[in-house]
PDB file of N, CA and C in Angstrom:
ATOM      1  N   MET A   1       5.196  10.810   3.316  1.00  0.00           N
ATOM      2  CA  MET A   1       5.244  11.676   4.416  1.00  0.00           C
ATOM      3  C   MET A   1       6.601  12.172   4.547  1.00  0.00           C
ATOM      4  N   SER A   2       6.805  13.451   4.896  1.00  0.00           N
ATOM      5  CA  SER A   2       8.009  14.083   5.265  1.00  0.00           C
ATOM      6  C   SER A   2       8.706  13.458   6.389  1.00  0.00           C
ATOM      7  N   LYS A   3       9.998  13.587   6.504  1.00  0.00           N
ATOM      8  CA  LYS A   3      10.687  12.992   7.594  1.00  0.00           C
ATOM      9  C   LYS A   3      10.169  13.458   9.009  1.00  0.00           C
ATOM     10  N   GLY A   4       9.417  12.522   9.616  1.00  0.00           N
ATOM     11  CA  GLY A   4       8.912  12.714  10.924  1.00  0.00           C
ATOM     12  C   GLY A   4       7.911  13.851  11.044  1.00  0.00           C
ATOM     13  N   MET A   5       7.214  14.156  10.039  1.00  0.00           N
ATOM     14  CA  MET A   5       6.205  15.210   9.926  1.00  0.00           C
ATOM     15  C   MET A   5       4.983  14.647   9.134  1.00  0.00           C
ATOM     16  N   VAL A   6       3.831  14.813   9.734  1.00  0.00           N
ATOM     17  CA  VAL A   6       2.596  14.535   9.017  1.00  0.00           C
ATOM     18  C   VAL A   6       2.069  15.770   8.323  1.00  0.00           C
ATOM     19  N   LYS A   7       1.757  15.373   6.944  1.00  0.00           N
ATOM     20  CA  LYS A   7       1.193  16.465   6.104  1.00  0.00           C
ATOM     21  C   LYS A   7      -0.338  16.345   6.056  1.00  0.00           C
ATOM     22  N   ILE A   8      -1.012  17.421   6.421  1.00  0.00           N
ATOM     23  CA  ILE A   8      -2.438  17.415   6.547  1.00  0.00           C
ATOM     24  C   ILE A   8      -3.092  18.477   5.761  1.00  0.00           C
ATOM     25  N   LEU A   9      -4.200  17.953   5.079  1.00  0.00           N
ATOM     26  CA  LEU A   9      -4.950  18.856   4.209  1.00  0.00           C
ATOM     27  C   LEU A   9      -6.359  19.095   5.046  1.00  0.00           C
ATOM     28  N   VAL A  10      -6.779  20.324   5.282  1.00  0.00           N
ATOM     29  CA  VAL A  10      -7.887  20.707   5.922  1.00  0.00           C
ATOM     30  C   VAL A  10      -8.817  21.371   4.851  1.00  0.00           C
ATOM     31  N   ALA A  11      -9.868  20.757   4.611  1.00  0.00           N
ATOM     32  CA  ALA A  11     -10.727  21.293   3.453  1.00  0.00           C
ATOM     33  C   ALA A  11     -12.169  21.582   3.957  1.00  0.00           C
ATOM     34  N   CYS A  12     -12.755  22.702   3.319  1.00  0.00           N
ATOM     35  CA  CYS A  12     -14.164  23.004   3.515  1.00  0.00           C
ATOM     36  C   CYS A  12     -14.634  23.446   2.275  1.00  0.00           C
ATOM     37  N   GLY A  13     -16.013  23.912   2.202  1.00  0.00           N
ATOM     38  CA  GLY A  13     -16.484  24.286   0.951  1.00  0.00           C
ATOM     39  C   GLY A  13     -15.906  25.438   0.197  1.00  0.00           C
ATOM     40  N   SER A  14     -15.418  26.420   0.868  1.00  0.00           N
ATOM     41  CA  SER A  14     -14.776  27.565   0.193  1.00  0.00           C
ATOM     42  C   SER A  14     -13.294  27.588   0.362  1.00  0.00           C
ATOM     43  N   GLY A  15     -12.754  26.811   1.346  1.00  0.00           N
ATOM     44  CA  GLY A  15     -11.295  26.830   1.507  1.00  0.00           C
ATOM     45  C   GLY A  15     -10.909  28.038   2.335  1.00  0.00           C
ATOM     46  N   VAL A  16     -11.849  28.820   3.042  1.00  0.00           N
ATOM     47  CA  VAL A  16     -11.604  30.028   3.714  1.00  0.00           C
ATOM     48  C   VAL A  16     -12.051  29.950   5.188  1.00  0.00           C
ATOM     49  N   ALA A  17     -13.367  29.929   5.317  1.00  0.00           N
ATOM     50  CA  ALA A  17     -13.948  30.240   6.740  1.00  0.00           C
ATOM     51  C   ALA A  17     -13.789  29.030   7.577  1.00  0.00           C
ATOM     52  N   THR A  18     -14.532  27.963   7.420  1.00  0.00           N
ATOM     53  CA  THR A  18     -14.517  26.920   8.435  1.00  0.00           C
ATOM     54  C   THR A  18     -13.173  26.057   8.372  1.00  0.00           C
ATOM     55  N   SER A  19     -12.381  26.042   7.228  1.00  0.00           N
ATOM     56  CA  SER A  19     -11.184  25.338   7.215  1.00  0.00           C
ATOM     57  C   SER A  19     -10.175  26.139   8.069  1.00  0.00           C
ATOM     58  N   THR A  20     -10.320  27.335   8.105  1.00  0.00           N
ATOM     59  CA  THR A  20      -9.335  28.269   9.067  1.00  0.00           C
ATOM     60  C   THR A  20      -9.614  27.809  10.440  1.00  0.00           C
ATOM     61  N   VAL A  21     -10.787  28.003  10.912  1.00  0.00           N
ATOM     62  CA  VAL A  21     -11.077  27.458  12.198  1.00  0.00           C
ATOM     63  C   VAL A  21     -10.684  26.192  12.604  1.00  0.00           C
ATOM     64  N   ALA A  22     -10.920  25.238  11.737  1.00  0.00           N
ATOM     65  CA  ALA A  22     -10.493  23.826  11.848  1.00  0.00           C
ATOM     66  C   ALA A  22      -9.015  23.613  12.063  1.00  0.00           C
ATOM     67  N   GLN A  23      -8.386  24.402  11.034  1.00  0.00           N
ATOM     68  CA  GLN A  23      -6.924  24.369  11.010  1.00  0.00           C
ATOM     69  C   GLN A  23      -6.282  24.711  12.339  1.00  0.00           C
ATOM     70  N   GLU A  24      -6.784  25.793  12.918  1.00  0.00           N
ATOM     71  CA  GLU A  24      -6.403  26.392  14.139  1.00  0.00           C
ATOM     72  C   GLU A  24      -6.556  25.260  15.319  1.00  0.00           C
ATOM     73  N   ALA A  25      -7.701  24.672  15.278  1.00  0.00           N
ATOM     74  CA  ALA A  25      -8.097  23.663  16.222  1.00  0.00           C
ATOM     75  C   ALA A  25      -7.150  22.386  16.105  1.00  0.00           C
ATOM     76  N   VAL A  26      -6.878  21.996  14.939  1.00  0.00           N
ATOM     77  CA  VAL A  26      -6.047  20.851  14.609  1.00  0.00           C
ATOM     78  C   VAL A  26      -4.628  21.275  15.090  1.00  0.00           C
ATOM     79  N   LYS A  27      -4.191  22.383  14.731  1.00  0.00           N
ATOM     80  CA  LYS A  27      -2.826  22.899  15.228  1.00  0.00           C
ATOM     81  C   LYS A  27      -2.577  22.761  16.689  1.00  0.00           C
ATOM     82  N   LYS A  28      -3.689  23.192  17.498  1.00  0.00           N
ATOM     83  CA  LYS A  28      -3.662  23.235  18.915  1.00  0.00           C
ATOM     84  C   LYS A  28      -3.673  21.747  19.456  1.00  0.00           C
ATOM     85  N   ILE A  29      -4.408  20.867  18.854  1.00  0.00           N
ATOM     86  CA  ILE A  29      -4.368  19.506  19.199  1.00  0.00           C
ATOM     87  C   ILE A  29      -3.098  18.760  18.869  1.00  0.00           C
ATOM     88  N   LEU A  30      -2.507  19.104  17.794  1.00  0.00           N
ATOM     89  CA  LEU A  30      -1.249  18.440  17.497  1.00  0.00           C
ATOM     90  C   LEU A  30      -0.073  18.886  18.350  1.00  0.00           C
ATOM     91  N   ALA A  31      -0.220  20.233  18.717  1.00  0.00           N
ATOM     92  CA  ALA A  31       0.939  20.875  19.508  1.00  0.00           C
ATOM     93  C   ALA A  31       0.884  20.220  20.898  1.00  0.00           C
ATOM     94  N   GLU A  32      -0.297  20.054  21.417  1.00  0.00           N
ATOM     95  CA  GLU A  32      -0.518  19.427  22.735  1.00  0.00           C
ATOM     96  C   GLU A  32      -0.074  18.000  22.816  1.00  0.00           C
ATOM     97  N   ALA A  33      -0.175  17.383  21.488  1.00  0.00           N
ATOM     98  CA  ALA A  33       0.197  15.949  21.521  1.00  0.00           C
ATOM     99  C   ALA A  33       1.636  15.756  20.949  1.00  0.00           C
ATOM    100  N   LYS A  34       2.249  16.880  20.947  1.00  0.00           N
ATOM    101  CA  LYS A  34       3.741  16.931  20.443  1.00  0.00           C
ATOM    102  C   LYS A  34       3.876  16.122  19.082  1.00  0.00           C
ATOM    103  N   ILE A  35       2.972  16.416  18.070  1.00  0.00           N
ATOM    104  CA  ILE A  35       2.945  15.758  16.910  1.00  0.00           C
ATOM    105  C   ILE A  35       3.360  16.769  15.795  1.00  0.00           C
ATOM    106  N   PRO A  36       4.433  16.657  15.170  1.00  0.00           N
ATOM    107  CA  PRO A  36       5.028  17.646  14.154  1.00  0.00           C
ATOM    108  C   PRO A  36       4.126  17.474  12.707  1.00  0.00           C
ATOM    109  N   ALA A  37       3.673  18.550  12.418  1.00  0.00           N
ATOM    110  CA  ALA A  37       2.839  18.594  11.226  1.00  0.00           C
ATOM    111  C   ALA A  37       2.912  19.782  10.418  1.00  0.00           C
ATOM    112  N   LYS A  38       2.582  19.669   9.110  1.00  0.00           N
ATOM    113  CA  LYS A  38       2.488  20.879   8.150  1.00  0.00           C
ATOM    114  C   LYS A  38       0.903  20.736   7.729  1.00  0.00           C
ATOM    115  N   ILE A  39       0.259  21.801   7.869  1.00  0.00           N
ATOM    116  CA  ILE A  39      -1.151  21.842   7.523  1.00  0.00           C
ATOM    117  C   ILE A  39      -1.398  22.827   6.379  1.00  0.00           C
ATOM    118  N   TYR A  40      -2.136  22.198   5.446  1.00  0.00           N
ATOM    119  CA  TYR A  40      -2.542  22.990   4.136  1.00  0.00           C
ATOM    120  C   TYR A  40      -4.050  23.058   4.280  1.00  0.00           C
ATOM    121  N   LYS A  41      -4.587  24.131   3.563  1.00  0.00           N
ATOM    122  CA  LYS A  41      -6.034  24.483   3.497  1.00  0.00           C
ATOM    123  C   LYS A  41      -6.374  24.301   2.057  1.00  0.00           C
ATOM    124  N   SER A  42      -7.690  23.882   1.790  1.00  0.00           N
ATOM    125  CA  SER A  42      -8.263  23.757   0.348  1.00  0.00           C
ATOM    126  C   SER A  42      -9.610  23.727   0.341  1.00  0.00           C
ATOM    127  N   THR A  43     -10.222  23.736  -0.734  1.00  0.00           N
ATOM    128  CA  THR A  43     -11.670  23.544  -0.838  1.00  0.00           C
ATOM    129  C   THR A  43     -11.887  22.078  -1.118  1.00  0.00           C
ATOM    130  N   MET A  44     -13.129  21.772  -0.979  1.00  0.00           N
ATOM    131  CA  MET A  44     -13.523  20.338  -1.120  1.00  0.00           C
ATOM    132  C   MET A  44     -13.156  19.724  -2.522  1.00  0.00           C
ATOM    133  N   SER A  45     -13.584  20.597  -3.535  1.00  0.00           N
ATOM    134  CA  SER A  45     -13.179  20.230  -4.910  1.00  0.00           C
ATOM    135  C   SER A  45     -11.749  20.012  -5.274  1.00  0.00           C
ATOM    136  N   GLU A  46     -10.812  20.623  -4.381  1.00  0.00           N
ATOM    137  CA  GLU A  46      -9.372  20.476  -4.673  1.00  0.00           C
ATOM    138  C   GLU A  46      -8.816  19.290  -4.065  1.00  0.00           C
ATOM    139  N   ILE A  47      -9.577  18.438  -3.220  1.00  0.00           N
ATOM    140  CA  ILE A  47      -9.125  17.299  -2.593  1.00  0.00           C
ATOM    141  C   ILE A  47      -8.371  16.315  -3.434  1.00  0.00           C
ATOM    142  N   PRO A  48      -9.030  15.974  -4.590  1.00  0.00           N
ATOM    143  CA  PRO A  48      -8.347  14.994  -5.467  1.00  0.00           C
ATOM    144  C   PRO A  48      -7.064  15.387  -6.038  1.00  0.00           C
ATOM    145  N   SER A  49      -6.785  16.628  -6.280  1.00  0.00           N
ATOM    146  CA  SER A  49      -5.638  17.007  -6.939  1.00  0.00           C
ATOM    147  C   SER A  49      -4.551  17.221  -5.682  1.00  0.00           C
ATOM    148  N   LYS A  50      -5.043  17.530  -4.556  1.00  0.00           N
ATOM    149  CA  LYS A  50      -3.928  17.690  -3.596  1.00  0.00           C
ATOM    150  C   LYS A  50      -3.760  16.541  -2.683  1.00  0.00           C
ATOM    151  N   ALA A  51      -4.684  15.445  -2.700  1.00  0.00           N
ATOM    152  CA  ALA A  51      -4.452  14.410  -1.904  1.00  0.00           C
ATOM    153  C   ALA A  51      -3.078  13.618  -2.003  1.00  0.00           C
ATOM    154  N   PRO A  52      -2.513  13.475  -3.227  1.00  0.00           N
ATOM    155  CA  PRO A  52      -1.255  12.898  -3.517  1.00  0.00           C
ATOM    156  C   PRO A  52      -0.108  13.465  -2.574  1.00  0.00           C
ATOM    157  N   ASP A  53      -0.263  14.656  -2.322  1.00  0.00           N
ATOM    158  CA  ASP A  53       0.826  15.485  -1.445  1.00  0.00           C
ATOM    159  C   ASP A  53       0.775  15.496  -0.103  1.00  0.00           C
ATOM    160  N   VAL A  54      -0.348  14.877   0.533  1.00  0.00           N
ATOM    161  CA  VAL A  54      -0.481  14.954   1.928  1.00  0.00           C
ATOM    162  C   VAL A  54      -0.716  13.444   2.454  1.00  0.00           C
ATOM    163  N   ASP A  55      -0.662  13.338   3.834  1.00  0.00           N
ATOM    164  CA  ASP A  55      -0.876  12.142   4.514  1.00  0.00           C
ATOM    165  C   ASP A  55      -2.198  11.759   4.960  1.00  0.00           C
ATOM    166  N   VAL A  56      -2.932  12.835   5.376  1.00  0.00           N
ATOM    167  CA  VAL A  56      -4.242  12.639   5.941  1.00  0.00           C
ATOM    168  C   VAL A  56      -5.087  13.784   5.470  1.00  0.00           C
ATOM    169  N   ILE A  57      -6.470  13.648   5.241  1.00  0.00           N
ATOM    170  CA  ILE A  57      -7.302  14.785   4.968  1.00  0.00           C
ATOM    171  C   ILE A  57      -8.366  14.868   6.029  1.00  0.00           C
ATOM    172  N   MET A  58      -8.576  16.116   6.373  1.00  0.00           N
ATOM    173  CA  MET A  58      -9.477  16.521   7.476  1.00  0.00           C
ATOM    174  C   MET A  58     -10.603  17.414   6.643  1.00  0.00           C
ATOM    175  N   VAL A  59     -11.862  17.094   6.871  1.00  0.00           N
ATOM    176  CA  VAL A  59     -12.922  17.809   6.063  1.00  0.00           C
ATOM    177  C   VAL A  59     -13.941  18.348   7.199  1.00  0.00           C
ATOM    178  N   THR A  60     -14.494  19.473   6.806  1.00  0.00           N
ATOM    179  CA  THR A  60     -15.423  20.126   7.640  1.00  0.00           C
ATOM    180  C   THR A  60     -16.918  19.642   7.297  1.00  0.00           C
ATOM    181  N   THR A  61     -17.089  18.885   6.175  1.00  0.00           N
ATOM    182  CA  THR A  61     -18.318  18.469   5.717  1.00  0.00           C
ATOM    183  C   THR A  61     -18.179  17.081   5.103  1.00  0.00           C
ATOM    184  N   ASN A  62     -19.220  16.405   4.689  1.00  0.00           N
ATOM    185  CA  ASN A  62     -19.150  15.095   4.154  1.00  0.00           C
ATOM    186  C   ASN A  62     -18.288  15.138   2.793  1.00  0.00           C
ATOM    187  N   TYR A  63     -17.441  14.256   2.679  1.00  0.00           N
ATOM    188  CA  TYR A  63     -16.725  13.970   1.445  1.00  0.00           C
ATOM    189  C   TYR A  63     -16.910  12.642   1.145  1.00  0.00           C
ATOM    190  N   ARG A  64     -17.805  12.469  -0.130  1.00  0.00           N
ATOM    191  CA  ARG A  64     -18.049  11.092  -0.518  1.00  0.00           C
ATOM    192  C   ARG A  64     -17.318  10.441  -1.541  1.00  0.00           C
ATOM    193  N   ASN A  65     -16.322  11.205  -2.126  1.00  0.00           N
ATOM    194  CA  ASN A  65     -15.496  10.643  -3.178  1.00  0.00           C
ATOM    195  C   ASN A  65     -14.451   9.818  -2.573  1.00  0.00           C
ATOM    196  N   SER A  66     -13.879   8.798  -3.392  1.00  0.00           N
ATOM    197  CA  SER A  66     -12.985   7.872  -2.871  1.00  0.00           C
ATOM    198  C   SER A  66     -11.571   8.464  -2.962  1.00  0.00           C
ATOM    199  N   VAL A  67     -10.837   8.320  -1.949  1.00  0.00           N
ATOM    200  CA  VAL A  67      -9.373   8.767  -1.868  1.00  0.00           C
ATOM    201  C   VAL A  67      -8.547   7.835  -1.094  1.00  0.00           C
ATOM    202  N   ASP A  68      -7.260   7.770  -1.435  1.00  0.00           N
ATOM    203  CA  ASP A  68      -6.443   6.669  -0.785  1.00  0.00           C
ATOM    204  C   ASP A  68      -5.744   7.046   0.458  1.00  0.00           C
ATOM    205  N   LYS A  69      -6.219   8.084   1.125  1.00  0.00           N
ATOM    206  CA  LYS A  69      -5.751   8.702   2.351  1.00  0.00           C
ATOM    207  C   LYS A  69      -6.709   8.660   3.512  1.00  0.00           C
ATOM    208  N   PRO A  70      -6.340   8.564   4.790  1.00  0.00           N
ATOM    209  CA  PRO A  70      -7.433   8.705   5.866  1.00  0.00           C
ATOM    210  C   PRO A  70      -8.147   9.919   5.639  1.00  0.00           C
ATOM    211  N   VAL A  71      -9.429   9.943   5.941  1.00  0.00           N
ATOM    212  CA  VAL A  71     -10.236  11.172   5.895  1.00  0.00           C
ATOM    213  C   VAL A  71     -10.856  11.272   7.322  1.00  0.00           C
ATOM    214  N   ILE A  72     -10.765  12.331   7.866  1.00  0.00           N
ATOM    215  CA  ILE A  72     -11.375  12.497   9.271  1.00  0.00           C
ATOM    216  C   ILE A  72     -12.266  13.807   9.200  1.00  0.00           C
ATOM    217  N   LYS A  73     -13.478  13.485   9.693  1.00  0.00           N
ATOM    218  CA  LYS A  73     -14.538  14.631   9.658  1.00  0.00           C
ATOM    219  C   LYS A  73     -14.156  15.437  10.957  1.00  0.00           C
ATOM    220  N   VAL A  74     -14.025  16.756  10.690  1.00  0.00           N
ATOM    221  CA  VAL A  74     -13.625  17.635  11.872  1.00  0.00           C
ATOM    222  C   VAL A  74     -14.449  18.755  12.133  1.00  0.00           C
ATOM    223  N   PHE A  75     -15.847  18.772  11.598  1.00  0.00           N
ATOM    224  CA  PHE A  75     -16.609  19.824  11.873  1.00  0.00           C
ATOM    225  C   PHE A  75     -16.967  19.885  13.424  1.00  0.00           C
ATOM    226  N   GLY A  76     -16.886  18.756  14.123  1.00  0.00           N
ATOM    227  CA  GLY A  76     -17.188  18.834  15.583  1.00  0.00           C
ATOM    228  C   GLY A  76     -16.168  19.656  16.288  1.00  0.00           C
ATOM    229  N   LEU A  77     -14.996  19.965  15.784  1.00  0.00           N
ATOM    230  CA  LEU A  77     -14.058  20.820  16.446  1.00  0.00           C
ATOM    231  C   LEU A  77     -14.512  22.288  16.361  1.00  0.00           C
ATOM    232  N   ILE A  78     -15.459  22.633  15.476  1.00  0.00           N
ATOM    233  CA  ILE A  78     -16.129  23.952  15.339  1.00  0.00           C
ATOM    234  C   ILE A  78     -17.330  24.054  16.139  1.00  0.00           C
ATOM    235  N   SER A  79     -18.139  22.855  16.072  1.00  0.00           N
ATOM    236  CA  SER A  79     -19.518  22.822  16.676  1.00  0.00           C
ATOM    237  C   SER A  79     -19.420  22.347  18.160  1.00  0.00           C
ATOM    238  N   GLY A  80     -18.330  21.736  18.543  1.00  0.00           N
ATOM    239  CA  GLY A  80     -18.111  21.143  19.933  1.00  0.00           C
ATOM    240  C   GLY A  80     -18.772  19.841  20.051  1.00  0.00           C
ATOM    241  N   ILE A  81     -19.408  19.409  18.960  1.00  0.00           N
ATOM    242  CA  ILE A  81     -20.166  18.039  19.176  1.00  0.00           C
ATOM    243  C   ILE A  81     -19.216  16.956  18.765  1.00  0.00           C
ATOM    244  N   GLY A  82     -18.975  16.118  19.697  1.00  0.00           N
ATOM    245  CA  GLY A  82     -18.072  14.981  19.423  1.00  0.00           C
ATOM    246  C   GLY A  82     -16.609  15.365  19.483  1.00  0.00           C
ATOM    247  N   GLU A  83     -16.209  16.477  20.068  1.00  0.00           N
ATOM    248  CA  GLU A  83     -14.936  16.923  19.944  1.00  0.00           C
ATOM    249  C   GLU A  83     -13.866  16.022  20.541  1.00  0.00           C
ATOM    250  N   ALA A  84     -14.175  15.517  21.696  1.00  0.00           N
ATOM    251  CA  ALA A  84     -13.104  14.553  22.278  1.00  0.00           C
ATOM    252  C   ALA A  84     -12.885  13.351  21.381  1.00  0.00           C
ATOM    253  N   ALA A  85     -13.817  12.757  20.730  1.00  0.00           N
ATOM    254  CA  ALA A  85     -13.653  11.680  19.868  1.00  0.00           C
ATOM    255  C   ALA A  85     -12.896  12.034  18.607  1.00  0.00           C
ATOM    256  N   ILE A  86     -13.122  13.136  18.081  1.00  0.00           N
ATOM    257  CA  ILE A  86     -12.381  13.725  17.001  1.00  0.00           C
ATOM    258  C   ILE A  86     -11.019  13.950  17.336  1.00  0.00           C
ATOM    259  N   LYS A  87     -10.673  14.587  18.398  1.00  0.00           N
ATOM    260  CA  LYS A  87      -9.360  14.914  18.841  1.00  0.00           C
ATOM    261  C   LYS A  87      -8.497  13.531  18.975  1.00  0.00           C
ATOM    262  N   LYS A  88      -9.285  12.489  19.515  1.00  0.00           N
ATOM    263  CA  LYS A  88      -8.602  11.244  19.654  1.00  0.00           C
ATOM    264  C   LYS A  88      -8.255  10.555  18.385  1.00  0.00           C
ATOM    265  N   GLU A  89      -9.209  10.724  17.435  1.00  0.00           N
ATOM    266  CA  GLU A  89      -8.997  10.106  16.157  1.00  0.00           C
ATOM    267  C   GLU A  89      -7.806  10.785  15.382  1.00  0.00           C
ATOM    268  N   ILE A  90      -7.777  12.188  15.471  1.00  0.00           N
ATOM    269  CA  ILE A  90      -6.781  12.929  14.994  1.00  0.00           C
ATOM    270  C   ILE A  90      -5.305  12.475  15.451  1.00  0.00           C
ATOM    271  N   ILE A  91      -5.201  12.364  16.839  1.00  0.00           N
ATOM    272  CA  ILE A  91      -3.944  11.982  17.449  1.00  0.00           C
ATOM    273  C   ILE A  91      -3.653  10.516  17.052  1.00  0.00           C
ATOM    274  N   GLU A  92      -4.515   9.563  17.184  1.00  0.00           N
ATOM    275  CA  GLU A  92      -4.305   8.310  16.824  1.00  0.00           C
ATOM    276  C   GLU A  92      -3.860   8.149  15.281  1.00  0.00           C
ATOM    277  N   THR A  93      -4.492   8.751  14.447  1.00  0.00           N
ATOM    278  CA  THR A  93      -4.233   8.593  13.071  1.00  0.00           C
ATOM    279  C   THR A  93      -2.782   9.231  12.731  1.00  0.00           C
ATOM    280  N   CYS A  94      -2.498  10.459  13.295  1.00  0.00           N
ATOM    281  CA  CYS A  94      -1.269  11.061  13.046  1.00  0.00           C
ATOM    282  C   CYS A  94      -0.033  10.203  13.670  1.00  0.00           C
ATOM    283  N   ASN A  95      -0.340   9.655  14.921  1.00  0.00           N
ATOM    284  CA  ASN A  95       0.676   8.930  15.507  1.00  0.00           C
ATOM    285  C   ASN A  95       0.916   7.621  14.653  1.00  0.00           C
ATOM    286  N   GLY A  96      -0.240   6.957  14.232  1.00  0.00           N
ATOM    287  CA  GLY A  96      -0.011   5.884  13.351  1.00  0.00           C
ATOM    288  C   GLY A  96       0.751   6.068  12.051  1.00  0.00           C
ATOM    289  N   LEU A  97       0.547   7.352  11.452  1.00  0.00           N
ATOM    290  CA  LEU A  97       1.339   7.711  10.238  1.00  0.00           C
ATOM    291  C   LEU A  97       2.846   7.852  10.617  1.00  0.00           C
ATOM    292  N   LEU A  98       3.097   8.205  11.843  1.00  0.00           N
ATOM    293  CA  LEU A  98       4.456   8.440  12.231  1.00  0.00           C
ATOM    294  C   LEU A  98       5.166   7.223  12.910  1.00  0.00           C
ATOM    295  N   GLY A  99       4.362   6.180  12.822  1.00  0.00           N
ATOM    296  CA  GLY A  99       4.824   4.863  13.483  1.00  0.00           C
ATOM    297  C   GLY A  99       4.920   4.786  14.872  1.00  0.00           C
ATOM    298  N   LYS A 100       4.145   5.711  15.642  1.00  0.00           N
ATOM    299  CA  LYS A 100       4.129   5.754  17.062  1.00  0.00           C
ATOM    300  C   LYS A 100       2.799   5.086  17.468  1.00  0.00           C
ATOM    301  N   GLU A 101       2.720   4.628  18.725  1.00  0.00           N
ATOM    302  CA  GLU A 101       1.559   4.086  19.275  1.00  0.00           C
ATOM    303  C   GLU A 101       0.678   5.149  20.005  1.00  0.00           C
TER     304      GLU A 101
END
């Protein structure tokens, strides 16, 4: 983890459409929670090669492979389904990575 900053990978099937929408939603959530972060986008197939460089991975679809980083499903930020729970999970996970409660 960078000094006091969470590095996040937001991934979707193409690395363009839904990850862009999810990225903007995550940026807003983190700004409101005053959590410093750097967000990167990728395709789902790029996760294994990019995972070592980030602290948490957020996906817009199911990711079934094993990875040694927290994985958060964020499609609900786009659909609106379960949005509050996802927001809470993002904040708690990022604060945990920063050593905050």
